[in-house]
Amino acid sequence: GKSKTSSNISFGDQTVATPSGDKAGIYSMVKPETCKKLAAMIYKSGRMKTVFQTFVGDPVGKSITKESFLAAATLSKTGVTAEDTDAIFSLYAKKGDTLSYAAFVRLTAGLEN
Protein backbone atom coordinates (compact mmCIF):
# COMPACT_ATOMS: atom_id res chain seq x y z
CA GLY A 1 0.00 0.00 0.00
CA LYS A 2 1.14 3.50 -0.79
CA SER A 3 0.90 6.08 1.94
CA LYS A 4 -1.27 9.10 1.30
CA THR A 5 0.99 11.64 2.97
CA SER A 6 2.45 14.32 0.76
CA SER A 7 5.16 16.91 1.01
CA ASN A 8 5.26 20.35 -0.52
CA ILE A 9 8.15 21.44 -2.66
CA SER A 10 8.38 25.06 -3.69
CA PHE A 11 10.20 26.42 -6.71
CA GLY A 12 10.00 30.17 -6.82
CA ASP A 13 6.34 31.08 -6.81
CA GLN A 14 5.05 27.57 -7.41
CA THR A 15 4.39 25.03 -4.69
CA VAL A 16 3.69 21.54 -5.87
CA ALA A 17 2.46 18.70 -3.71
CA THR A 18 4.40 15.51 -4.34
CA PRO A 19 2.83 12.18 -3.41
CA SER A 20 5.19 10.25 -1.17
CA GLY A 21 4.72 7.16 -3.32
CA ASP A 22 6.54 8.77 -6.27
CA LYS A 23 10.06 7.98 -5.15
CA ALA A 24 9.50 4.24 -5.04
CA GLY A 25 7.68 4.58 -8.34
CA ILE A 26 10.41 6.00 -10.53
CA TYR A 27 13.27 4.06 -8.96
CA SER A 28 11.40 0.80 -9.42
CA MET A 29 10.76 1.54 -13.11
CA VAL A 30 13.97 3.26 -14.22
CA LYS A 31 17.50 2.14 -13.32
CA PRO A 32 18.81 4.14 -10.29
CA GLU A 33 21.96 4.96 -12.27
CA THR A 34 19.83 6.53 -15.01
CA CYS A 35 17.71 8.40 -12.43
CA LYS A 36 20.87 9.86 -10.89
CA LYS A 37 22.21 11.00 -14.27
CA LEU A 38 18.86 12.56 -15.09
CA ALA A 39 18.79 14.32 -11.72
CA ALA A 40 22.36 15.57 -12.27
CA MET A 41 21.39 16.96 -15.68
CA ILE A 42 18.42 18.79 -14.16
CA TYR A 43 20.22 20.22 -11.14
CA LYS A 44 23.35 21.19 -13.09
CA SER A 45 21.26 23.77 -14.93
CA GLY A 46 20.31 25.38 -11.63
CA ARG A 47 17.11 26.97 -12.86
CA MET A 48 14.05 24.78 -13.04
CA LYS A 49 12.37 26.88 -15.76
CA THR A 50 15.53 26.79 -17.89
CA VAL A 51 15.94 23.03 -17.74
CA PHE A 52 12.20 22.58 -18.33
CA GLN A 53 12.57 24.49 -21.61
CA THR A 54 15.57 22.30 -22.47
CA PHE A 55 13.28 19.28 -22.25
CA VAL A 56 10.44 21.06 -24.07
CA GLY A 57 12.90 21.77 -26.86
CA ASP A 58 11.16 25.04 -27.71
CA PRO A 59 11.50 28.35 -25.82
CA VAL A 60 7.77 29.05 -25.95
CA GLY A 61 6.51 25.48 -25.48
CA LYS A 62 4.34 24.73 -22.48
CA SER A 63 4.78 20.98 -22.15
CA ILE A 64 7.29 18.20 -22.80
CA THR A 65 6.53 15.50 -25.37
CA LYS A 66 8.03 12.02 -25.15
CA GLU A 67 10.10 12.80 -28.24
CA SER A 68 11.56 16.03 -26.86
CA PHE A 69 12.17 14.45 -23.43
CA LEU A 70 14.08 11.54 -24.96
CA ALA A 71 16.01 13.87 -27.27
CA ALA A 72 17.14 16.15 -24.40
CA ALA A 73 17.99 13.21 -22.14
CA THR A 74 19.94 11.49 -24.93
CA LEU A 75 21.84 14.67 -25.78
CA SER A 76 22.96 14.88 -22.15
CA LYS A 77 24.02 11.22 -22.17
CA THR A 78 21.77 10.25 -19.26
CA GLY A 79 21.23 6.75 -20.59
CA VAL A 80 17.46 7.27 -20.68
CA THR A 81 15.84 4.83 -23.12
CA ALA A 82 12.50 4.97 -24.93
CA GLU A 83 11.24 2.44 -22.35
CA ASP A 84 12.40 4.73 -19.51
CA THR A 85 10.63 7.63 -21.16
CA ASP A 86 7.41 5.60 -21.39
CA ALA A 87 7.72 4.68 -17.70
CA ILE A 88 8.39 8.28 -16.64
CA PHE A 89 5.43 9.56 -18.66
CA SER A 90 3.14 6.83 -17.33
CA LEU A 91 4.03 7.95 -13.79
CA TYR A 92 3.96 11.72 -14.18
CA ALA A 93 2.05 12.76 -17.30
CA LYS A 94 -1.63 13.51 -16.73
CA LYS A 95 -2.75 12.31 -20.15
CA GLY A 96 0.24 10.06 -20.71
CA ASP A 97 1.58 12.02 -23.66
CA THR A 98 2.96 15.32 -22.34
CA LEU A 99 4.54 16.60 -19.11
CA SER A 100 3.39 19.97 -17.81
CA TYR A 101 5.68 22.16 -15.70
CA ALA A 102 3.99 20.94 -12.50
CA ALA A 103 4.45 17.31 -13.61
CA PHE A 104 8.10 18.02 -14.40
CA VAL A 105 8.59 19.43 -10.89
CA ARG A 106 7.02 16.25 -9.46
CA LEU A 107 9.42 14.20 -11.59
CA THR A 108 12.45 16.09 -10.25
CA ALA A 109 11.17 15.58 -6.71
CA GLY A 110 10.85 11.86 -7.41
CA LEU A 111 14.44 11.78 -8.65
CA GLU A 112 15.84 13.27 -5.46
CA ASN A 113 17.15 10.30 -3.59
Foldseek 3Di string as FASTA:
>chain_A
DFDADWDWDDAVPDIATAGPCLLVQLCVQDPLQLLQLVLCQCCVVVHLLVVQCQQCVDNPDFWHFLVSNVVSSVVSVSPQDSSSSQSLLVRQPPVSGIHGSSSVVNSSVSSPD
